[in-house]
Amino acid sequence: MNSLSREEEIKKQLEFMQANPGCKSKGLAFYRKFVKRKYCEPKKKKKKNKIKEPNLLKTLKKFRGGLTKQATRHEILFKSMLKILDIKFEFQKIFIVNKKGYIADFYLIDYKFVIEIDGTSHNDQEAKDENRTNDLLSTGLVKQVLRFDNDEVESMNEIDLSMELTLKICPFAELFCT
């Protein structure tokens, strides 16, 4: 009788494995544990995050790596101020908008702000910066884009930055600060 029940169980296991190819079988112990309890379901395929422009993202990631290693003195100074103020941020954040890639200097995670530190190269490209700002705002991921030039960052301290961010986050704060 014992051998018949074992044979029956093996037949059931084989039938189960043929009917459910998605489940990985690990022998009789697997069958007893999962099949009898009806826990095993066919394995579901994981959905991958499909990025519409994979080559663009790959290029941007390589470029971001270079930007991160060659951060300007003003970006490093600003980064240290954000750390002192304990503000969560992502340095050199990648955004893909309308098949165009952008790398923002700083993305303040909690406030959804992009902060750009503009060097002298930005003096002649105001229209380009304006288009970039509009594209970033159109994503819905960014509420506001703040731009500081190198001289502003140089003369700024943590208190100035804190006040500037407070005024941008809550415009009514100006009434209480005067």
C-alpha atoms as a PDB file:
ATOM      1  CA  MET A   1       0.000   0.000   0.000  1.00  0.00           C
ATOM      2  CA  ASN A   2       2.843   2.306   0.867  1.00  0.00           C
ATOM      3  CA  SER A   3       4.480   1.805  -2.549  1.00  0.00           C
ATOM      4  CA  LEU A   4       1.168   2.427  -4.351  1.00  0.00           C
ATOM      5  CA  SER A   5       0.618   5.728  -2.608  1.00  0.00           C
ATOM      6  CA  ARG A   6       4.169   6.734  -3.437  1.00  0.00           C
ATOM      7  CA  GLU A   7       3.612   5.786  -7.089  1.00  0.00           C
ATOM      8  CA  GLU A   8       0.350   7.724  -7.135  1.00  0.00           C
ATOM      9  CA  GLU A   9       2.067  10.723  -5.644  1.00  0.00           C
ATOM     10  CA  ILE A  10       4.834  10.581  -8.240  1.00  0.00           C
ATOM     11  CA  LYS A  11       2.220  10.355 -11.010  1.00  0.00           C
ATOM     12  CA  LYS A  12       0.448  13.395  -9.564  1.00  0.00           C
ATOM     13  CA  GLN A  13       3.748  15.230  -9.401  1.00  0.00           C
ATOM     14  CA  LEU A  14       4.508  14.430 -13.049  1.00  0.00           C
ATOM     15  CA  GLU A  15       1.017  15.493 -14.119  1.00  0.00           C
ATOM     16  CA  PHE A  16       1.400  18.708 -12.173  1.00  0.00           C
ATOM     17  CA  MET A  17       4.801  19.488 -13.686  1.00  0.00           C
ATOM     18  CA  GLN A  18       3.454  18.886 -17.194  1.00  0.00           C
ATOM     19  CA  ALA A  19       0.386  21.042 -16.553  1.00  0.00           C
ATOM     20  CA  ASN A  20       2.365  23.868 -14.899  1.00  0.00           C
ATOM     21  CA  PRO A  21       5.650  24.378 -16.714  1.00  0.00           C
ATOM     22  CA  GLY A  22       6.078  27.822 -15.093  1.00  0.00           C
ATOM     23  CA  CYS A  23       6.718  26.325 -11.663  1.00  0.00           C
ATOM     24  CA  LYS A  24      10.192  25.089 -11.011  1.00  0.00           C
ATOM     25  CA  SER A  25      10.073  21.639  -9.493  1.00  0.00           C
ATOM     26  CA  LYS A  26      12.473  20.624  -6.789  1.00  0.00           C
ATOM     27  CA  GLY A  27      11.316  17.065  -6.387  1.00  0.00           C
ATOM     28  CA  LEU A  28       8.793  15.447  -4.124  1.00  0.00           C
ATOM     29  CA  ALA A  29       9.380  17.834  -1.215  1.00  0.00           C
ATOM     30  CA  PHE A  30       8.437  20.735  -3.480  1.00  0.00           C
ATOM     31  CA  TYR A  31       5.316  18.884  -4.575  1.00  0.00           C
ATOM     32  CA  ARG A  32       4.236  18.161  -1.002  1.00  0.00           C
ATOM     33  CA  LYS A  33       4.873  21.695   0.177  1.00  0.00           C
ATOM     34  CA  PHE A  34       3.369  23.691  -2.670  1.00  0.00           C
ATOM     35  CA  VAL A  35       1.048  21.521  -4.748  1.00  0.00           C
ATOM     36  CA  LYS A  36      -0.891  20.029  -1.896  1.00  0.00           C
ATOM     37  CA  ARG A  37      -1.295  23.511  -0.403  1.00  0.00           C
ATOM     38  CA  LYS A  38      -2.076  25.006  -3.814  1.00  0.00           C
ATOM     39  CA  TYR A  39       0.455  27.828  -3.428  1.00  0.00           C
ATOM     40  CA  CYS A  40       2.310  27.371  -6.646  1.00  0.00           C
ATOM     41  CA  GLU A  41       1.250  29.498  -9.586  1.00  0.00           C
ATOM     42  CA  PRO A  42       2.888  29.785 -12.973  1.00  0.00           C
ATOM     43  CA  LYS A  43       5.821  32.147 -12.828  1.00  0.00           C
ATOM     44  CA  LYS A  44       4.918  35.642 -14.010  1.00  0.00           C
ATOM     45  CA  LYS A  45       7.274  37.568 -16.208  1.00  0.00           C
ATOM     46  CA  LYS A  46       8.539  40.778 -14.672  1.00  0.00           C
ATOM     47  CA  LYS A  47       7.752  43.949 -16.534  1.00  0.00           C
ATOM     48  CA  LYS A  48      10.842  45.918 -17.342  1.00  0.00           C
ATOM     49  CA  ASN A  49      10.868  49.691 -17.268  1.00  0.00           C
ATOM     50  CA  LYS A  50      10.782  50.430 -20.940  1.00  0.00           C
ATOM     51  CA  ILE A  51      12.467  53.672 -21.772  1.00  0.00           C
ATOM     52  CA  LYS A  52      11.422  54.992 -25.125  1.00  0.00           C
ATOM     53  CA  GLU A  53      14.884  56.217 -25.955  1.00  0.00           C
ATOM     54  CA  PRO A  54      17.341  53.622 -24.566  1.00  0.00           C
ATOM     55  CA  ASN A  55      20.276  54.892 -26.635  1.00  0.00           C
ATOM     56  CA  LEU A  56      19.640  58.446 -25.467  1.00  0.00           C
ATOM     57  CA  LEU A  57      19.578  57.348 -21.837  1.00  0.00           C
ATOM     58  CA  LYS A  58      22.799  55.380 -22.275  1.00  0.00           C
ATOM     59  CA  THR A  59      24.494  58.415 -23.816  1.00  0.00           C
ATOM     60  CA  LEU A  60      23.205  60.713 -21.072  1.00  0.00           C
ATOM     61  CA  LYS A  61      24.445  58.374 -18.338  1.00  0.00           C
ATOM     62  CA  LYS A  62      27.950  58.369 -19.839  1.00  0.00           C
ATOM     63  CA  PHE A  63      27.895  62.144 -20.181  1.00  0.00           C
ATOM     64  CA  ARG A  64      26.580  62.539 -16.610  1.00  0.00           C
ATOM     65  CA  GLY A  65      29.486  60.446 -15.344  1.00  0.00           C
ATOM     66  CA  GLY A  66      31.902  62.941 -16.860  1.00  0.00           C
ATOM     67  CA  LEU A  67      29.968  65.913 -15.484  1.00  0.00           C
ATOM     68  CA  THR A  68      29.954  64.418 -12.001  1.00  0.00           C
ATOM     69  CA  LYS A  69      33.707  63.830 -12.040  1.00  0.00           C
ATOM     70  CA  GLN A  70      34.407  67.302 -13.418  1.00  0.00           C
ATOM     71  CA  ALA A  71      31.993  69.289 -11.234  1.00  0.00           C
ATOM     72  CA  THR A  72      32.764  72.985 -11.081  1.00  0.00           C
ATOM     73  CA  ARG A  73      33.892  74.694  -7.907  1.00  0.00           C
ATOM     74  CA  HIS A  74      30.517  76.441  -7.696  1.00  0.00           C
ATOM     75  CA  GLU A  75      28.586  73.168  -8.038  1.00  0.00           C
ATOM     76  CA  ILE A  76      30.682  71.614  -5.266  1.00  0.00           C
ATOM     77  CA  LEU A  77      30.099  74.663  -3.064  1.00  0.00           C
ATOM     78  CA  PHE A  78      26.346  74.551  -3.706  1.00  0.00           C
ATOM     79  CA  LYS A  79      26.302  70.807  -3.067  1.00  0.00           C
ATOM     80  CA  SER A  80      27.956  71.314   0.317  1.00  0.00           C
ATOM     81  CA  MET A  81      25.368  73.976   1.233  1.00  0.00           C
ATOM     82  CA  LEU A  82      22.526  71.586   0.398  1.00  0.00           C
ATOM     83  CA  LYS A  83      24.151  68.910   2.559  1.00  0.00           C
ATOM     84  CA  ILE A  84      24.519  71.351   5.471  1.00  0.00           C
ATOM     85  CA  LEU A  85      20.836  72.288   5.152  1.00  0.00           C
ATOM     86  CA  ASP A  86      19.983  68.565   5.053  1.00  0.00           C
ATOM     87  CA  ILE A  87      18.025  68.914   1.813  1.00  0.00           C
ATOM     88  CA  LYS A  88      17.575  65.722  -0.203  1.00  0.00           C
ATOM     89  CA  PHE A  89      18.877  66.206  -3.717  1.00  0.00           C
ATOM     90  CA  GLU A  90      20.105  64.346  -6.741  1.00  0.00           C
ATOM     91  CA  PHE A  91      23.201  65.703  -8.427  1.00  0.00           C
ATOM     92  CA  GLN A  92      23.223  65.675 -12.243  1.00  0.00           C
ATOM     93  CA  LYS A  93      19.652  64.342 -12.564  1.00  0.00           C
ATOM     94  CA  ILE A  94      18.651  63.040 -16.000  1.00  0.00           C
ATOM     95  CA  PHE A  95      15.333  64.054 -17.561  1.00  0.00           C
ATOM     96  CA  ILE A  96      14.061  62.860 -20.936  1.00  0.00           C
ATOM     97  CA  VAL A  97      11.423  65.155 -22.419  1.00  0.00           C
ATOM     98  CA  ASN A  98      10.020  64.913 -25.948  1.00  0.00           C
ATOM     99  CA  LYS A  99      12.919  62.733 -27.105  1.00  0.00           C
ATOM    100  CA  LYS A 100      15.397  65.299 -25.779  1.00  0.00           C
ATOM    101  CA  GLY A 101      17.706  64.636 -22.880  1.00  0.00           C
ATOM    102  CA  TYR A 102      18.508  67.098 -20.126  1.00  0.00           C
ATOM    103  CA  ILE A 103      20.883  66.842 -17.209  1.00  0.00           C
ATOM    104  CA  ALA A 104      19.945  69.193 -14.394  1.00  0.00           C
ATOM    105  CA  ASP A 105      22.678  70.262 -11.989  1.00  0.00           C
ATOM    106  CA  PHE A 106      20.537  69.627  -8.899  1.00  0.00           C
ATOM    107  CA  TYR A 107      17.092  68.135  -8.381  1.00  0.00           C
ATOM    108  CA  LEU A 108      15.582  68.773  -4.949  1.00  0.00           C
ATOM    109  CA  ILE A 109      13.582  65.610  -4.404  1.00  0.00           C
ATOM    110  CA  ASP A 110      11.118  66.814  -1.740  1.00  0.00           C
ATOM    111  CA  TYR A 111      10.362  70.129  -3.452  1.00  0.00           C
ATOM    112  CA  LYS A 112      10.542  68.987  -7.086  1.00  0.00           C
ATOM    113  CA  PHE A 113      12.823  71.901  -7.903  1.00  0.00           C
ATOM    114  CA  VAL A 114      15.595  71.920 -10.456  1.00  0.00           C
ATOM    115  CA  ILE A 115      18.514  74.180  -9.658  1.00  0.00           C
ATOM    116  CA  GLU A 116      20.936  75.168 -12.374  1.00  0.00           C
ATOM    117  CA  ILE A 117      24.295  76.747 -11.644  1.00  0.00           C
ATOM    118  CA  ASP A 118      24.994  78.811 -14.736  1.00  0.00           C
ATOM    119  CA  GLY A 119      28.565  79.603 -15.636  1.00  0.00           C
ATOM    120  CA  THR A 120      29.768  82.107 -18.189  1.00  0.00           C
ATOM    121  CA  SER A 121      28.778  79.778 -21.039  1.00  0.00           C
ATOM    122  CA  HIS A 122      25.106  80.490 -20.288  1.00  0.00           C
ATOM    123  CA  ASN A 123      25.418  84.241 -20.908  1.00  0.00           C
ATOM    124  CA  ASP A 124      24.733  83.892 -24.635  1.00  0.00           C
ATOM    125  CA  GLN A 125      22.075  81.177 -24.518  1.00  0.00           C
ATOM    126  CA  GLU A 126      19.121  82.681 -22.662  1.00  0.00           C
ATOM    127  CA  ALA A 127      16.604  81.466 -25.273  1.00  0.00           C
ATOM    128  CA  LYS A 128      17.984  77.932 -25.084  1.00  0.00           C
ATOM    129  CA  ASP A 129      17.800  78.015 -21.271  1.00  0.00           C
ATOM    130  CA  GLU A 130      14.198  79.262 -21.467  1.00  0.00           C
ATOM    131  CA  ASN A 131      13.223  76.368 -23.783  1.00  0.00           C
ATOM    132  CA  ARG A 132      14.952  73.931 -21.478  1.00  0.00           C
ATOM    133  CA  THR A 133      13.085  75.349 -18.471  1.00  0.00           C
ATOM    134  CA  ASN A 134       9.731  75.094 -20.268  1.00  0.00           C
ATOM    135  CA  ASP A 135      10.447  71.488 -21.286  1.00  0.00           C
ATOM    136  CA  LEU A 136      11.338  70.518 -17.720  1.00  0.00           C
ATOM    137  CA  LEU A 137       8.217  72.186 -16.314  1.00  0.00           C
ATOM    138  CA  SER A 138       6.028  70.435 -18.893  1.00  0.00           C
ATOM    139  CA  THR A 139       6.966  67.007 -17.495  1.00  0.00           C
ATOM    140  CA  GLY A 140       5.088  67.547 -14.244  1.00  0.00           C
ATOM    141  CA  LEU A 141       8.121  66.171 -12.408  1.00  0.00           C
ATOM    142  CA  VAL A 142       9.452  69.680 -11.874  1.00  0.00           C
ATOM    143  CA  LYS A 143       7.528  72.483 -10.177  1.00  0.00           C
ATOM    144  CA  GLN A 144      10.114  75.202 -10.604  1.00  0.00           C
ATOM    145  CA  VAL A 145      13.525  75.794 -12.143  1.00  0.00           C
ATOM    146  CA  LEU A 146      15.859  78.099 -10.221  1.00  0.00           C
ATOM    147  CA  ARG A 147      18.948  79.520 -11.848  1.00  0.00           C
ATOM    148  CA  PHE A 148      21.942  80.921 -10.010  1.00  0.00           C
ATOM    149  CA  ASP A 149      25.022  82.243 -11.718  1.00  0.00           C
ATOM    150  CA  ASN A 150      28.501  81.518 -10.399  1.00  0.00           C
ATOM    151  CA  ASP A 151      28.815  84.919  -8.702  1.00  0.00           C
ATOM    152  CA  GLU A 152      25.579  84.373  -6.756  1.00  0.00           C
ATOM    153  CA  VAL A 153      26.761  80.984  -5.530  1.00  0.00           C
ATOM    154  CA  GLU A 154      30.140  82.430  -4.588  1.00  0.00           C
ATOM    155  CA  SER A 155      28.575  85.145  -2.419  1.00  0.00           C
ATOM    156  CA  MET A 156      25.818  82.914  -1.024  1.00  0.00           C
ATOM    157  CA  ASN A 157      25.879  81.171   2.334  1.00  0.00           C
ATOM    158  CA  GLU A 158      23.563  78.532   3.796  1.00  0.00           C
ATOM    159  CA  ILE A 159      21.218  81.141   5.282  1.00  0.00           C
ATOM    160  CA  ASP A 160      20.845  82.959   1.957  1.00  0.00           C
ATOM    161  CA  LEU A 161      20.106  79.685   0.202  1.00  0.00           C
ATOM    162  CA  SER A 162      17.631  78.657   2.875  1.00  0.00           C
ATOM    163  CA  MET A 163      15.819  82.011   2.570  1.00  0.00           C
ATOM    164  CA  GLU A 164      15.793  81.831  -1.231  1.00  0.00           C
ATOM    165  CA  LEU A 165      14.298  78.329  -1.206  1.00  0.00           C
ATOM    166  CA  THR A 166      11.762  79.270   1.471  1.00  0.00           C
ATOM    167  CA  LEU A 167      10.574  82.228  -0.607  1.00  0.00           C
ATOM    168  CA  LYS A 168      10.264  80.048  -3.710  1.00  0.00           C
ATOM    169  CA  ILE A 169       8.430  77.279  -1.867  1.00  0.00           C
ATOM    170  CA  CYS A 170       6.111  79.601   0.030  1.00  0.00           C
ATOM    171  CA  PRO A 171       5.819  83.054  -1.572  1.00  0.00           C
ATOM    172  CA  PHE A 172       3.854  84.354   1.427  1.00  0.00           C
ATOM    173  CA  ALA A 173       6.894  83.845   3.650  1.00  0.00           C
ATOM    174  CA  GLU A 174       8.161  87.203   2.386  1.00  0.00           C
ATOM    175  CA  LEU A 175       5.393  88.909   4.381  1.00  0.00           C
ATOM    176  CA  PHE A 176       6.731  87.421   7.605  1.00  0.00           C
ATOM    177  CA  CYS A 177      10.418  87.957   6.855  1.00  0.00           C
ATOM    178  CA  THR A 178      10.367  91.736   6.381  1.00  0.00           C
END
